Amino acid sequence: MWTTLSALDFTNLIIVDNCQCKAYLYRFKIIDSPTCPCGKDDQHIDHLIYECELLKPQRDTLKFSVYKIDKWPTSKYKLIRNHHKALKIFTNQIYDSLG
């Protein structure tokens, strides 16, 4: 799905909340279903960051980093502002896992 994007582009799309997730692609009738491969919800930014069971190991790493100075769940704003390095690692892992 994200084969035309680099990992850096993907991180930037997450930050601006404009990721080409299934929900986004479905909205423009590019794909037939917005449902995440995990089957629990539509695949959108918040789902990927906070809920998707397929990304639990990656999220656990992000949470561990956040817990050092903050609480979880934390807002996307705080992830971007206070945990940018950990968020970048997480989004690169998403890119590698789901790309």
C-alpha atoms as a PDB file:
ATOM      1  CA  MET A   1       0.000   0.000   0.000  1.00  0.00           C
ATOM      2  CA  TRP A   2       2.763   2.462   0.904  1.00  0.00           C
ATOM      3  CA  THR A   3       5.240   1.289  -1.709  1.00  0.00           C
ATOM      4  CA  THR A   4       5.525   4.737  -3.299  1.00  0.00           C
ATOM      5  CA  LEU A   5       6.351   6.395   0.028  1.00  0.00           C
ATOM      6  CA  SER A   6       9.667   6.454   1.815  1.00  0.00           C
ATOM      7  CA  ALA A   7       9.769   5.796   5.567  1.00  0.00           C
ATOM      8  CA  LEU A   8      10.433   9.524   6.128  1.00  0.00           C
ATOM      9  CA  ASP A   9       7.400  10.472   4.009  1.00  0.00           C
ATOM     10  CA  PHE A  10       5.301   8.027   6.027  1.00  0.00           C
ATOM     11  CA  THR A  11       6.447   9.594   9.317  1.00  0.00           C
ATOM     12  CA  ASN A  12       5.551  13.047   8.010  1.00  0.00           C
ATOM     13  CA  LEU A  13       2.103  11.843   6.940  1.00  0.00           C
ATOM     14  CA  ILE A  14       1.498  10.416  10.409  1.00  0.00           C
ATOM     15  CA  ILE A  15       2.507  13.749  11.945  1.00  0.00           C
ATOM     16  CA  VAL A  16       0.119  15.767   9.774  1.00  0.00           C
ATOM     17  CA  ASP A  17      -2.623  13.134  10.200  1.00  0.00           C
ATOM     18  CA  ASN A  18      -2.800  12.486   6.467  1.00  0.00           C
ATOM     19  CA  CYS A  19      -1.509   8.947   6.276  1.00  0.00           C
ATOM     20  CA  GLN A  20      -2.600   6.903   3.302  1.00  0.00           C
ATOM     21  CA  CYS A  21      -4.185   4.345   5.576  1.00  0.00           C
ATOM     22  CA  LYS A  22      -7.035   2.171   4.388  1.00  0.00           C
ATOM     23  CA  ALA A  23      -9.669   4.586   5.763  1.00  0.00           C
ATOM     24  CA  TYR A  24      -8.120   7.413   3.730  1.00  0.00           C
ATOM     25  CA  LEU A  25      -7.896   5.337   0.554  1.00  0.00           C
ATOM     26  CA  TYR A  26     -11.436   4.038   1.035  1.00  0.00           C
ATOM     27  CA  ARG A  27     -12.735   7.600   1.353  1.00  0.00           C
ATOM     28  CA  PHE A  28     -11.516   8.260  -2.194  1.00  0.00           C
ATOM     29  CA  LYS A  29     -12.829   4.907  -3.465  1.00  0.00           C
ATOM     30  CA  ILE A  30      -9.297   3.672  -4.194  1.00  0.00           C
ATOM     31  CA  ILE A  31      -9.872   0.465  -2.226  1.00  0.00           C
ATOM     32  CA  ASP A  32     -13.007  -1.519  -1.352  1.00  0.00           C
ATOM     33  CA  SER A  33     -12.752  -1.604   2.439  1.00  0.00           C
ATOM     34  CA  PRO A  34     -11.347   0.646   5.184  1.00  0.00           C
ATOM     35  CA  THR A  35     -10.994  -2.261   7.618  1.00  0.00           C
ATOM     36  CA  CYS A  36      -7.576  -2.853   9.125  1.00  0.00           C
ATOM     37  CA  PRO A  37      -6.076  -6.323   8.570  1.00  0.00           C
ATOM     38  CA  CYS A  38      -6.442  -6.868  12.349  1.00  0.00           C
ATOM     39  CA  GLY A  39     -10.236  -6.795  11.766  1.00  0.00           C
ATOM     40  CA  LYS A  40     -11.053  -4.660  14.822  1.00  0.00           C
ATOM     41  CA  ASP A  41     -11.606  -1.229  13.268  1.00  0.00           C
ATOM     42  CA  ASP A  42     -11.061   0.923  10.231  1.00  0.00           C
ATOM     43  CA  GLN A  43      -7.383   1.505   9.616  1.00  0.00           C
ATOM     44  CA  HIS A  44      -6.746   5.160  10.497  1.00  0.00           C
ATOM     45  CA  ILE A  45      -3.917   6.980  12.282  1.00  0.00           C
ATOM     46  CA  ASP A  46      -5.343   6.692  15.795  1.00  0.00           C
ATOM     47  CA  HIS A  47      -6.082   3.006  15.298  1.00  0.00           C
ATOM     48  CA  LEU A  48      -2.502   2.344  14.187  1.00  0.00           C
ATOM     49  CA  ILE A  49      -0.940   4.304  17.047  1.00  0.00           C
ATOM     50  CA  TYR A  50      -3.227   3.295  19.909  1.00  0.00           C
ATOM     51  CA  GLU A  51      -5.212   0.147  19.082  1.00  0.00           C
ATOM     52  CA  CYS A  52      -4.070  -2.144  16.277  1.00  0.00           C
ATOM     53  CA  GLU A  53      -3.144  -5.554  17.673  1.00  0.00           C
ATOM     54  CA  LEU A  54      -0.881  -6.219  14.695  1.00  0.00           C
ATOM     55  CA  LEU A  55       1.360  -3.395  15.910  1.00  0.00           C
ATOM     56  CA  LYS A  56       1.413  -4.329  19.605  1.00  0.00           C
ATOM     57  CA  PRO A  57       5.170  -5.072  19.753  1.00  0.00           C
ATOM     58  CA  GLN A  58       5.984  -1.768  18.038  1.00  0.00           C
ATOM     59  CA  ARG A  59       3.502   0.112  20.250  1.00  0.00           C
ATOM     60  CA  ASP A  60       4.991  -1.459  23.375  1.00  0.00           C
ATOM     61  CA  THR A  61       8.383  -0.045  22.387  1.00  0.00           C
ATOM     62  CA  LEU A  62       6.809   3.385  21.845  1.00  0.00           C
ATOM     63  CA  LYS A  63       4.953   3.173  25.169  1.00  0.00           C
ATOM     64  CA  PHE A  64       8.145   2.233  27.009  1.00  0.00           C
ATOM     65  CA  SER A  65       9.797   5.367  25.642  1.00  0.00           C
ATOM     66  CA  VAL A  66       6.805   7.569  26.490  1.00  0.00           C
ATOM     67  CA  TYR A  67       6.538   6.207  30.054  1.00  0.00           C
ATOM     68  CA  LYS A  68       9.993   7.608  30.818  1.00  0.00           C
ATOM     69  CA  ILE A  69       8.572  11.154  30.971  1.00  0.00           C
ATOM     70  CA  ASP A  70       4.845  10.938  30.272  1.00  0.00           C
ATOM     71  CA  LYS A  71       1.756   8.764  30.634  1.00  0.00           C
ATOM     72  CA  TRP A  72       0.120   6.503  28.060  1.00  0.00           C
ATOM     73  CA  PRO A  73      -1.986   7.047  26.116  1.00  0.00           C
ATOM     74  CA  THR A  74      -0.620  10.430  25.287  1.00  0.00           C
ATOM     75  CA  SER A  75      -1.918  12.789  22.635  1.00  0.00           C
ATOM     76  CA  LYS A  76      -0.523  12.812  19.123  1.00  0.00           C
ATOM     77  CA  TYR A  77       0.561  16.389  19.831  1.00  0.00           C
ATOM     78  CA  LYS A  78       2.701  15.208  22.757  1.00  0.00           C
ATOM     79  CA  LEU A  79       4.037  12.303  20.711  1.00  0.00           C
ATOM     80  CA  ILE A  80       5.166  14.764  18.062  1.00  0.00           C
ATOM     81  CA  ARG A  81       6.466  17.392  20.458  1.00  0.00           C
ATOM     82  CA  ASN A  82       7.963  15.353  23.298  1.00  0.00           C
ATOM     83  CA  HIS A  83       8.569  11.930  21.766  1.00  0.00           C
ATOM     84  CA  HIS A  84       9.416  12.648  18.142  1.00  0.00           C
ATOM     85  CA  LYS A  85      12.379  10.278  18.035  1.00  0.00           C
ATOM     86  CA  ALA A  86      10.348   7.368  19.458  1.00  0.00           C
ATOM     87  CA  LEU A  87       7.425   8.221  17.147  1.00  0.00           C
ATOM     88  CA  LYS A  88       9.760   8.167  14.158  1.00  0.00           C
ATOM     89  CA  ILE A  89      11.038   4.728  15.162  1.00  0.00           C
ATOM     90  CA  PHE A  90       7.430   3.546  15.572  1.00  0.00           C
ATOM     91  CA  THR A  91       6.333   4.909  12.194  1.00  0.00           C
ATOM     92  CA  ASN A  92       9.371   3.371  10.507  1.00  0.00           C
ATOM     93  CA  GLN A  93       8.391   0.043  12.056  1.00  0.00           C
ATOM     94  CA  ILE A  94       4.811   0.494  10.797  1.00  0.00           C
ATOM     95  CA  TYR A  95       6.171   1.279   7.362  1.00  0.00           C
ATOM     96  CA  ASP A  96       8.273  -1.893   7.445  1.00  0.00           C
ATOM     97  CA  SER A  97       5.449  -4.059   8.862  1.00  0.00           C
ATOM     98  CA  LEU A  98       2.497  -2.861   6.828  1.00  0.00           C
ATOM     99  CA  GLY A  99       4.207  -1.458   3.771  1.00  0.00           C
END
